C-alpha atoms as a PDB file:
ATOM      1  CA  UNK A   1      99.380 112.534  -9.293  1.00  0.00           C
ATOM      2  CA  UNK A   2     102.112 110.708  -7.552  1.00  0.00           C
ATOM      3  CA  UNK A   3     101.193 112.344  -3.808  1.00  0.00           C
ATOM      4  CA  UNK A   4      97.567 110.846  -4.392  1.00  0.00           C
ATOM      5  CA  UNK A   5      98.328 107.676  -5.882  1.00  0.00           C
ATOM      6  CA  UNK A   6      97.709 105.420  -3.124  1.00  0.00           C
ATOM      7  CA  UNK A   7      94.736 107.038  -2.221  1.00  0.00           C
ATOM      8  CA  UNK A   8      94.218 106.412  -6.459  1.00  0.00           C
ATOM      9  CA  UNK A   9      94.547 102.987  -6.673  1.00  0.00           C
ATOM     10  CA  UNK A  10      92.436 101.836  -3.690  1.00  0.00           C
ATOM     11  CA  UNK A  11      89.398 104.262  -4.904  1.00  0.00           C
ATOM     12  CA  UNK A  12      89.580 102.411  -8.489  1.00  0.00           C
ATOM     13  CA  UNK A  13      90.334  99.260  -7.205  1.00  0.00           C
ATOM     14  CA  UNK A  14      88.251  98.667  -3.753  1.00  0.00           C
ATOM     15  CA  UNK A  15      86.220 101.759  -2.855  1.00  0.00           C
ATOM     16  CA  UNK A  16      84.630 102.231  -6.438  1.00  0.00           C
ATOM     17  CA  UNK A  17      85.415 100.246  -9.334  1.00  0.00           C
ATOM     18  CA  UNK A  18      82.903 101.137 -11.538  1.00  0.00           C
ATOM     19  CA  UNK A  19      84.490 104.754 -11.380  1.00  0.00           C
ATOM     20  CA  UNK A  20      84.213 107.043 -14.075  1.00  0.00           C
ATOM     21  CA  UNK A  21      87.684 108.876 -13.273  1.00  0.00           C
ATOM     22  CA  UNK A  22      90.202 108.003 -16.094  1.00  0.00           C
ATOM     23  CA  UNK A  23      92.387 105.151 -15.271  1.00  0.00           C
ATOM     24  CA  UNK A  24      95.884 105.851 -15.239  1.00  0.00           C
ATOM     25  CA  UNK A  25      98.350 103.071 -16.283  1.00  0.00           C
ATOM     26  CA  UNK A  26     101.769 105.435 -16.211  1.00  0.00           C
ATOM     27  CA  UNK A  27     103.476 108.093 -15.214  1.00  0.00           C
ATOM     28  CA  UNK A  28     106.677 108.588 -17.304  1.00  0.00           C
ATOM     29  CA  UNK A  29     109.659 111.118 -18.087  1.00  0.00           C
ATOM     30  CA  UNK A  30     111.549 111.386 -20.806  1.00  0.00           C
ATOM     31  CA  UNK A  31     115.079 113.175 -20.569  1.00  0.00           C
ATOM     32  CA  UNK A  32     116.777 114.662 -23.861  1.00  0.00           C
ATOM     33  CA  UNK A  33     119.988 115.505 -23.500  1.00  0.00           C
ATOM     34  CA  UNK A  34     121.307 118.362 -26.205  1.00  0.00           C
ATOM     35  CA  UNK A  35     125.286 117.807 -26.946  1.00  0.00           C
ATOM     36  CA  UNK A  36     125.273 121.328 -28.530  1.00  0.00           C
ATOM     37  CA  UNK A  37     124.162 123.346 -25.494  1.00  0.00           C
ATOM     38  CA  UNK A  38     124.890 120.402 -22.785  1.00  0.00           C
ATOM     39  CA  UNK A  39     121.649 120.712 -21.126  1.00  0.00           C
ATOM     40  CA  UNK A  40     118.496 118.865 -20.594  1.00  0.00           C
ATOM     41  CA  UNK A  41     114.948 118.654 -21.392  1.00  0.00           C
ATOM     42  CA  UNK A  42     112.602 116.806 -19.508  1.00  0.00           C
ATOM     43  CA  UNK A  43     109.082 115.878 -20.848  1.00  0.00           C
ATOM     44  CA  UNK A  44     106.432 114.526 -18.329  1.00  0.00           C
ATOM     45  CA  UNK A  45     103.656 112.341 -19.518  1.00  0.00           C
ATOM     46  CA  UNK A  46     100.808 109.897 -18.529  1.00  0.00           C
ATOM     47  CA  UNK A  47      99.260 107.088 -19.972  1.00  0.00           C
ATOM     48  CA  UNK A  48      95.809 107.192 -19.524  1.00  0.00           C
ATOM     49  CA  UNK A  49      92.615 105.005 -20.776  1.00  0.00           C
ATOM     50  CA  UNK A  50      90.843 106.055 -23.756  1.00  0.00           C
ATOM     51  CA  UNK A  51      87.404 106.945 -22.263  1.00  0.00           C
ATOM     52  CA  UNK A  52      86.040 106.417 -25.814  1.00  0.00           C
ATOM     53  CA  UNK A  53      86.987 102.816 -26.526  1.00  0.00           C
ATOM     54  CA  UNK A  54      83.899 101.427 -27.954  1.00  0.00           C
ATOM     55  CA  UNK A  55      82.553  99.427 -30.979  1.00  0.00           C
ATOM     56  CA  UNK A  56      79.607 102.411 -30.921  1.00  0.00           C
ATOM     57  CA  UNK A  57      79.776 104.948 -33.610  1.00  0.00           C
ATOM     58  CA  UNK A  58      80.486 108.082 -31.358  1.00  0.00           C
ATOM     59  CA  UNK A  59      78.791 110.808 -32.991  1.00  0.00           C
ATOM     60  CA  UNK A  60      78.863 113.407 -30.039  1.00  0.00           C
ATOM     61  CA  UNK A  61      81.417 114.701 -27.353  1.00  0.00           C
ATOM     62  CA  UNK A  62      80.863 116.431 -24.599  1.00  0.00           C
ATOM     63  CA  UNK A  63      83.567 117.854 -22.162  1.00  0.00           C
ATOM     64  CA  UNK A  64      81.532 119.280 -19.209  1.00  0.00           C
ATOM     65  CA  UNK A  65      82.697 121.283 -16.169  1.00  0.00           C
ATOM     66  CA  UNK A  66      79.732 122.381 -14.337  1.00  0.00           C
ATOM     67  CA  UNK A  67      81.238 125.686 -15.316  1.00  0.00           C
ATOM     68  CA  UNK A  68      79.893 128.210 -18.184  1.00  0.00           C
ATOM     69  CA  UNK A  69      83.048 130.505 -18.021  1.00  0.00           C
ATOM     70  CA  UNK A  70      84.637 130.367 -21.442  1.00  0.00           C
ATOM     71  CA  UNK A  71      82.683 126.580 -21.682  1.00  0.00           C
ATOM     72  CA  UNK A  72      81.588 126.992 -25.559  1.00  0.00           C
ATOM     73  CA  UNK A  73      82.875 125.308 -28.559  1.00  0.00           C
ATOM     74  CA  UNK A  74      80.252 126.195 -31.176  1.00  0.00           C
ATOM     75  CA  UNK A  75      80.962 129.962 -32.530  1.00  0.00           C
ATOM     76  CA  UNK A  76      78.944 129.702 -35.849  1.00  0.00           C
ATOM     77  CA  UNK A  77      75.489 131.283 -35.509  1.00  0.00           C
ATOM     78  CA  UNK A  78      73.722 128.562 -36.707  1.00  0.00           C
ATOM     79  CA  UNK A  79      74.808 125.941 -34.198  1.00  0.00           C
ATOM     80  CA  UNK A  80      76.543 123.690 -36.823  1.00  0.00           C
ATOM     81  CA  UNK A  81      79.710 122.309 -35.562  1.00  0.00           C
ATOM     82  CA  UNK A  82      81.446 120.742 -38.381  1.00  0.00           C
ATOM     83  CA  UNK A  83      83.950 118.173 -36.912  1.00  0.00           C
ATOM     84  CA  UNK A  84      82.178 115.450 -34.490  1.00  0.00           C
ATOM     85  CA  UNK A  85      85.256 114.609 -33.093  1.00  0.00           C
ATOM     86  CA  UNK A  86      85.847 118.132 -31.220  1.00  0.00           C
ATOM     87  CA  UNK A  87      84.301 117.946 -27.860  1.00  0.00           C
ATOM     88  CA  UNK A  88      81.558 120.500 -27.198  1.00  0.00           C
ATOM     89  CA  UNK A  89      81.320 122.449 -23.662  1.00  0.00           C
ATOM     90  CA  UNK A  90      79.012 123.347 -21.234  1.00  0.00           C
ATOM     91  CA  UNK A  91      77.233 125.971 -22.859  1.00  0.00           C
ATOM     92  CA  UNK A  92      76.823 124.388 -26.160  1.00  0.00           C
ATOM     93  CA  UNK A  93      75.482 121.840 -24.277  1.00  0.00           C
ATOM     94  CA  UNK A  94      72.885 124.199 -22.603  1.00  0.00           C
ATOM     95  CA  UNK A  95      71.933 126.034 -25.975  1.00  0.00           C
ATOM     96  CA  UNK A  96      71.349 122.778 -27.906  1.00  0.00           C
ATOM     97  CA  UNK A  97      68.880 121.984 -24.992  1.00  0.00           C
ATOM     98  CA  UNK A  98      69.903 118.715 -25.047  1.00  0.00           C
ATOM     99  CA  UNK A  99      68.869 116.180 -22.355  1.00  0.00           C
ATOM    100  CA  UNK A 100      70.842 113.123 -21.025  1.00  0.00           C
ATOM    101  CA  UNK A 101      67.505 110.097 -20.228  1.00  0.00           C
ATOM    102  CA  UNK A 102      68.488 106.926 -18.090  1.00  0.00           C
ATOM    103  CA  UNK A 103      65.889 105.281 -16.791  1.00  0.00           C
ATOM    104  CA  UNK A 104      65.588 104.663 -12.911  1.00  0.00           C
ATOM    105  CA  UNK A 105      68.128 102.004 -12.012  1.00  0.00           C
ATOM    106  CA  UNK A 106      70.837 103.456 -14.249  1.00  0.00           C
ATOM    107  CA  UNK A 107      70.071 107.133 -12.657  1.00  0.00           C
ATOM    108  CA  UNK A 108      70.679 105.992  -9.215  1.00  0.00           C
ATOM    109  CA  UNK A 109      73.992 103.994  -9.899  1.00  0.00           C
ATOM    110  CA  UNK A 110      75.219 106.760 -12.152  1.00  0.00           C
ATOM    111  CA  UNK A 111      74.434 109.318  -9.359  1.00  0.00           C
ATOM    112  CA  UNK A 112      75.931 106.865  -6.923  1.00  0.00           C
ATOM    113  CA  UNK A 113      79.101 106.350  -8.748  1.00  0.00           C
ATOM    114  CA  UNK A 114      79.415 110.362  -9.237  1.00  0.00           C
ATOM    115  CA  UNK A 115      78.792 111.224  -5.929  1.00  0.00           C
ATOM    116  CA  UNK A 116      82.027 108.878  -4.957  1.00  0.00           C
ATOM    117  CA  UNK A 117      83.601 110.072  -7.665  1.00  0.00           C
ATOM    118  CA  UNK A 118      83.113 114.065  -6.560  1.00  0.00           C
ATOM    119  CA  UNK A 119      84.155 113.025  -2.948  1.00  0.00           C
ATOM    120  CA  UNK A 120      87.482 111.321  -4.044  1.00  0.00           C
ATOM    121  CA  UNK A 121      88.197 114.807  -5.909  1.00  0.00           C
ATOM    122  CA  UNK A 122      87.367 117.205  -2.941  1.00  0.00           C
ATOM    123  CA  UNK A 123      89.141 114.848  -0.363  1.00  0.00           C
ATOM    124  CA  UNK A 124      92.181 115.094  -2.563  1.00  0.00           C
ATOM    125  CA  UNK A 125      92.067 118.711  -3.470  1.00  0.00           C
ATOM    126  CA  UNK A 126      91.418 118.367  -6.845  1.00  0.00           C
ATOM    127  CA  UNK A 127      89.294 120.915  -8.481  1.00  0.00           C
ATOM    128  CA  UNK A 128      90.199 121.233 -12.087  1.00  0.00           C
ATOM    129  CA  UNK A 129      88.405 118.162 -13.788  1.00  0.00           C
ATOM    130  CA  UNK A 130      85.594 117.297 -16.365  1.00  0.00           C
ATOM    131  CA  UNK A 131      83.377 114.702 -17.481  1.00  0.00           C
ATOM    132  CA  UNK A 132      83.647 113.567 -20.988  1.00  0.00           C
ATOM    133  CA  UNK A 133      80.419 111.979 -22.155  1.00  0.00           C
ATOM    134  CA  UNK A 134      80.050 109.959 -25.620  1.00  0.00           C
ATOM    135  CA  UNK A 135      76.692 109.995 -27.625  1.00  0.00           C
ATOM    136  CA  UNK A 136      75.680 107.880 -30.174  1.00  0.00           C
ATOM    137  CA  UNK A 137      72.812 109.217 -32.236  1.00  0.00           C
ATOM    138  CA  UNK A 138      70.597 105.503 -32.587  1.00  0.00           C
ATOM    139  CA  UNK A 139      68.689 106.860 -35.481  1.00  0.00           C
ATOM    140  CA  UNK A 140      71.763 107.615 -37.269  1.00  0.00           C
ATOM    141  CA  UNK A 141      72.907 104.041 -36.356  1.00  0.00           C
ATOM    142  CA  UNK A 142      69.753 101.637 -36.400  1.00  0.00           C
ATOM    143  CA  UNK A 143      71.822  98.366 -36.186  1.00  0.00           C
ATOM    144  CA  UNK A 144      73.974  99.159 -33.229  1.00  0.00           C
ATOM    145  CA  UNK A 145      73.458  96.849 -30.242  1.00  0.00           C
ATOM    146  CA  UNK A 146      71.344  97.963 -27.570  1.00  0.00           C
ATOM    147  CA  UNK A 147      72.356  98.138 -23.801  1.00  0.00           C
ATOM    148  CA  UNK A 148      70.040  96.889 -20.842  1.00  0.00           C
ATOM    149  CA  UNK A 149      68.816  99.914 -18.784  1.00  0.00           C
ATOM    150  CA  UNK A 150      70.521  98.752 -15.727  1.00  0.00           C
ATOM    151  CA  UNK A 151      74.199  98.882 -17.848  1.00  0.00           C
ATOM    152  CA  UNK A 152      75.241 102.494 -16.363  1.00  0.00           C
ATOM    153  CA  UNK A 153      76.960 103.346 -19.298  1.00  0.00           C
ATOM    154  CA  UNK A 154      74.552 103.643 -21.509  1.00  0.00           C
ATOM    155  CA  UNK A 155      72.897 107.374 -21.625  1.00  0.00           C
ATOM    156  CA  UNK A 156      70.433 108.475 -24.287  1.00  0.00           C
ATOM    157  CA  UNK A 157      69.813 111.860 -25.301  1.00  0.00           C
ATOM    158  CA  UNK A 158      67.143 113.912 -26.831  1.00  0.00           C
END
């Protein structure tokens, strides 16, 4: 991450401020010193934005990579997933036959953002990434606010 930090910052602030790439707020290292063994243990971590920070109830989560190898969360033959906080994966999405529907304005805007994000990953030799999608079931939450079609963060599924 430190290697690409200048490009990452420029990309998110100037080239693609609507990017779907998570924002990293800090990269840290904590060193624990063990007196008994006189050794250090280093722990590295980063602080990122919460991609599901919203007032809407998130009913389904998808972690999509564009790959099917080992990409299944649901193992129950009935297809029932008990814990809605666990992200479903590519094969779950395919087998449930879910579709993401957006209007033409949002579609073009989302595709343009994703193309820029993908080019950033390619240009920085990042090959392991995924897209997290949160779904609000409007039939379960009829009083939730409705977003304008031009809002690229609004995706509807059927």
